[in-house]
Amino acid sequence: MADNVTGMATVTGWGTTSQGGSLSDTLRAVDVPIITDDKCREAYEDMIEDTMICAGYEEGGKDSCQGDSGGPFVQRSEEGVSTLIGIVSWGKGCAQPNYPGVYTETA
């Protein structure tokens, strides 16, 4: 994973808004904090590769969900420039406490 990628990033998608729910009729976006490699490995152990980024709130509640896979994970600079840093990949359920979303690193 890239420990040089920090801060907040935005995940966007048409996926479900809750685990097992229906797909969204509108495009949704949520800002989530990028977490450290060590914190991510506490949740997923050896499933995390160097090409992955993890993000989410420790308490859960906001995350990508089923149907969002393949969608963009974007970070915006202070100057307002958006950079695609990842692609929605997988996670344990949706917005589960202590289980961040996992993204394939692109930047």
C-alpha atoms as a PDB file:
ATOM      1  CA  MET A   1       0.000   0.000   0.000  1.00  0.00           C
ATOM      2  CA  ALA A   2       1.004   3.562  -0.445  1.00  0.00           C
ATOM      3  CA  ASP A   3       1.604   5.158   2.942  1.00  0.00           C
ATOM      4  CA  ASN A   4       2.341   8.394   1.092  1.00  0.00           C
ATOM      5  CA  VAL A   5      -1.380   8.622   0.214  1.00  0.00           C
ATOM      6  CA  THR A   6      -3.086  10.288   3.187  1.00  0.00           C
ATOM      7  CA  GLY A   7      -6.031  12.503   4.017  1.00  0.00           C
ATOM      8  CA  MET A   8      -9.550  12.274   2.662  1.00  0.00           C
ATOM      9  CA  ALA A   9     -10.753  10.913  -0.658  1.00  0.00           C
ATOM     10  CA  THR A  10     -14.117  10.611  -2.383  1.00  0.00           C
ATOM     11  CA  VAL A  11     -15.710   7.380  -3.568  1.00  0.00           C
ATOM     12  CA  THR A  12     -18.511   7.629  -6.124  1.00  0.00           C
ATOM     13  CA  GLY A  13     -20.940   5.013  -7.359  1.00  0.00           C
ATOM     14  CA  TRP A  14     -24.393   3.704  -8.194  1.00  0.00           C
ATOM     15  CA  GLY A  15     -24.200   0.799  -5.743  1.00  0.00           C
ATOM     16  CA  THR A  16     -26.471  -0.124  -2.895  1.00  0.00           C
ATOM     17  CA  THR A  17     -26.808   2.253   0.026  1.00  0.00           C
ATOM     18  CA  SER A  18     -26.890  -0.588   2.547  1.00  0.00           C
ATOM     19  CA  GLN A  19     -25.704  -4.173   2.623  1.00  0.00           C
ATOM     20  CA  GLY A  20     -28.197  -6.285   0.658  1.00  0.00           C
ATOM     21  CA  GLY A  21     -30.154  -3.197  -0.423  1.00  0.00           C
ATOM     22  CA  SER A  22     -31.238  -2.040  -3.876  1.00  0.00           C
ATOM     23  CA  LEU A  23     -29.019  -0.169  -6.324  1.00  0.00           C
ATOM     24  CA  SER A  24     -29.195   3.604  -6.086  1.00  0.00           C
ATOM     25  CA  ASP A  25     -31.261   5.588  -8.610  1.00  0.00           C
ATOM     26  CA  THR A  26     -28.860   8.510  -8.231  1.00  0.00           C
ATOM     27  CA  LEU A  27     -25.102   8.794  -8.350  1.00  0.00           C
ATOM     28  CA  ARG A  28     -23.793   8.900  -4.787  1.00  0.00           C
ATOM     29  CA  ALA A  29     -20.518  10.191  -3.356  1.00  0.00           C
ATOM     30  CA  VAL A  30     -18.978   9.996   0.093  1.00  0.00           C
ATOM     31  CA  ASP A  31     -15.738  11.305   1.583  1.00  0.00           C
ATOM     32  CA  VAL A  32     -13.748   8.769   3.590  1.00  0.00           C
ATOM     33  CA  PRO A  33     -10.413   9.012   5.420  1.00  0.00           C
ATOM     34  CA  ILE A  34      -7.478   7.034   4.039  1.00  0.00           C
ATOM     35  CA  ILE A  35      -6.039   4.791   6.744  1.00  0.00           C
ATOM     36  CA  THR A  36      -2.521   3.503   7.297  1.00  0.00           C
ATOM     37  CA  ASP A  37      -1.229   0.181   6.026  1.00  0.00           C
ATOM     38  CA  ASP A  38      -0.828  -1.100   9.588  1.00  0.00           C
ATOM     39  CA  LYS A  39      -4.391  -0.186  10.552  1.00  0.00           C
ATOM     40  CA  CYS A  40      -5.745  -1.858   7.423  1.00  0.00           C
ATOM     41  CA  ARG A  41      -3.799  -5.034   8.111  1.00  0.00           C
ATOM     42  CA  GLU A  42      -5.325  -5.163  11.605  1.00  0.00           C
ATOM     43  CA  ALA A  43      -8.646  -5.754   9.860  1.00  0.00           C
ATOM     44  CA  TYR A  44      -7.643  -7.875   6.871  1.00  0.00           C
ATOM     45  CA  GLU A  45      -4.216  -9.308   7.797  1.00  0.00           C
ATOM     46  CA  ASP A  46      -2.382 -10.895   4.842  1.00  0.00           C
ATOM     47  CA  MET A  47      -5.171 -10.135   2.342  1.00  0.00           C
ATOM     48  CA  ILE A  48      -3.768  -6.621   1.840  1.00  0.00           C
ATOM     49  CA  GLU A  49      -1.233  -6.146  -0.968  1.00  0.00           C
ATOM     50  CA  ASP A  50       1.135  -3.241  -1.651  1.00  0.00           C
ATOM     51  CA  THR A  51      -1.096  -2.174  -4.560  1.00  0.00           C
ATOM     52  CA  MET A  52      -4.096  -1.504  -2.298  1.00  0.00           C
ATOM     53  CA  ILE A  53      -5.360   1.542  -0.402  1.00  0.00           C
ATOM     54  CA  CYS A  54      -7.779   1.265   2.515  1.00  0.00           C
ATOM     55  CA  ALA A  55     -10.210   3.966   3.577  1.00  0.00           C
ATOM     56  CA  GLY A  56     -13.143   4.315   5.901  1.00  0.00           C
ATOM     57  CA  TYR A  57     -14.309   5.377   9.325  1.00  0.00           C
ATOM     58  CA  GLU A  58     -13.375   3.195  12.289  1.00  0.00           C
ATOM     59  CA  GLU A  59     -16.954   3.445  13.534  1.00  0.00           C
ATOM     60  CA  GLY A  60     -18.305   2.495  10.086  1.00  0.00           C
ATOM     61  CA  GLY A  61     -21.380   4.118   8.593  1.00  0.00           C
ATOM     62  CA  LYS A  62     -19.892   5.496   5.350  1.00  0.00           C
ATOM     63  CA  ASP A  63     -18.244   3.406   2.640  1.00  0.00           C
ATOM     64  CA  SER A  64     -18.579   1.991  -0.838  1.00  0.00           C
ATOM     65  CA  CYS A  65     -21.000  -0.921  -1.165  1.00  0.00           C
ATOM     66  CA  GLN A  66     -22.112  -3.682  -3.541  1.00  0.00           C
ATOM     67  CA  GLY A  67     -22.417  -2.325  -7.071  1.00  0.00           C
ATOM     68  CA  ASP A  68     -19.727   0.339  -6.585  1.00  0.00           C
ATOM     69  CA  SER A  69     -16.839  -1.947  -7.631  1.00  0.00           C
ATOM     70  CA  GLY A  70     -14.826  -0.492 -10.489  1.00  0.00           C
ATOM     71  CA  GLY A  71     -15.835   3.039  -9.572  1.00  0.00           C
ATOM     72  CA  PRO A  72     -13.469   5.951  -8.932  1.00  0.00           C
ATOM     73  CA  PHE A  73     -11.658   6.798  -5.703  1.00  0.00           C
ATOM     74  CA  VAL A  74     -10.553  10.419  -6.094  1.00  0.00           C
ATOM     75  CA  GLN A  75      -8.472  12.801  -4.014  1.00  0.00           C
ATOM     76  CA  ARG A  76      -8.757  16.567  -4.461  1.00  0.00           C
ATOM     77  CA  SER A  77      -5.786  18.870  -3.909  1.00  0.00           C
ATOM     78  CA  GLU A  78      -5.985  22.209  -2.095  1.00  0.00           C
ATOM     79  CA  GLU A  79      -5.885  23.806  -5.548  1.00  0.00           C
ATOM     80  CA  GLY A  80      -9.023  21.885  -6.534  1.00  0.00           C
ATOM     81  CA  VAL A  81      -7.321  19.392  -8.850  1.00  0.00           C
ATOM     82  CA  SER A  82      -8.865  15.917  -8.681  1.00  0.00           C
ATOM     83  CA  THR A  83      -6.626  12.860  -9.052  1.00  0.00           C
ATOM     84  CA  LEU A  84      -7.821   9.295  -9.484  1.00  0.00           C
ATOM     85  CA  ILE A  85      -5.876   7.438  -6.783  1.00  0.00           C
ATOM     86  CA  GLY A  86      -7.810   4.191  -6.732  1.00  0.00           C
ATOM     87  CA  ILE A  87     -10.637   2.005  -7.977  1.00  0.00           C
ATOM     88  CA  VAL A  88     -13.303   0.500  -5.706  1.00  0.00           C
ATOM     89  CA  SER A  89     -12.340  -3.120  -5.156  1.00  0.00           C
ATOM     90  CA  TRP A  90     -13.718  -4.926  -2.084  1.00  0.00           C
ATOM     91  CA  GLY A  91     -14.433  -4.882   1.632  1.00  0.00           C
ATOM     92  CA  LYS A  92     -16.261  -6.780   4.341  1.00  0.00           C
ATOM     93  CA  GLY A  93     -19.907  -5.890   3.886  1.00  0.00           C
ATOM     94  CA  CYS A  94     -20.718  -2.199   3.628  1.00  0.00           C
ATOM     95  CA  ALA A  95     -19.508   0.403   6.086  1.00  0.00           C
ATOM     96  CA  GLN A  96     -18.880  -2.165   8.810  1.00  0.00           C
ATOM     97  CA  PRO A  97     -17.073  -0.868  11.920  1.00  0.00           C
ATOM     98  CA  ASN A  98     -13.331  -1.644  11.871  1.00  0.00           C
ATOM     99  CA  TYR A  99     -13.463  -2.945   8.271  1.00  0.00           C
ATOM    100  CA  PRO A 100     -12.456  -0.242   5.784  1.00  0.00           C
ATOM    101  CA  GLY A 101     -13.143  -0.306   2.068  1.00  0.00           C
ATOM    102  CA  VAL A 102     -10.278  -1.586  -0.090  1.00  0.00           C
ATOM    103  CA  TYR A 103      -9.252   0.142  -3.316  1.00  0.00           C
ATOM    104  CA  THR A 104      -6.808  -0.805  -6.057  1.00  0.00           C
ATOM    105  CA  GLU A 105      -4.143   1.896  -6.215  1.00  0.00           C
ATOM    106  CA  THR A 106      -3.811   3.787  -9.511  1.00  0.00           C
ATOM    107  CA  ALA A 107      -1.597   6.783  -8.694  1.00  0.00           C
END
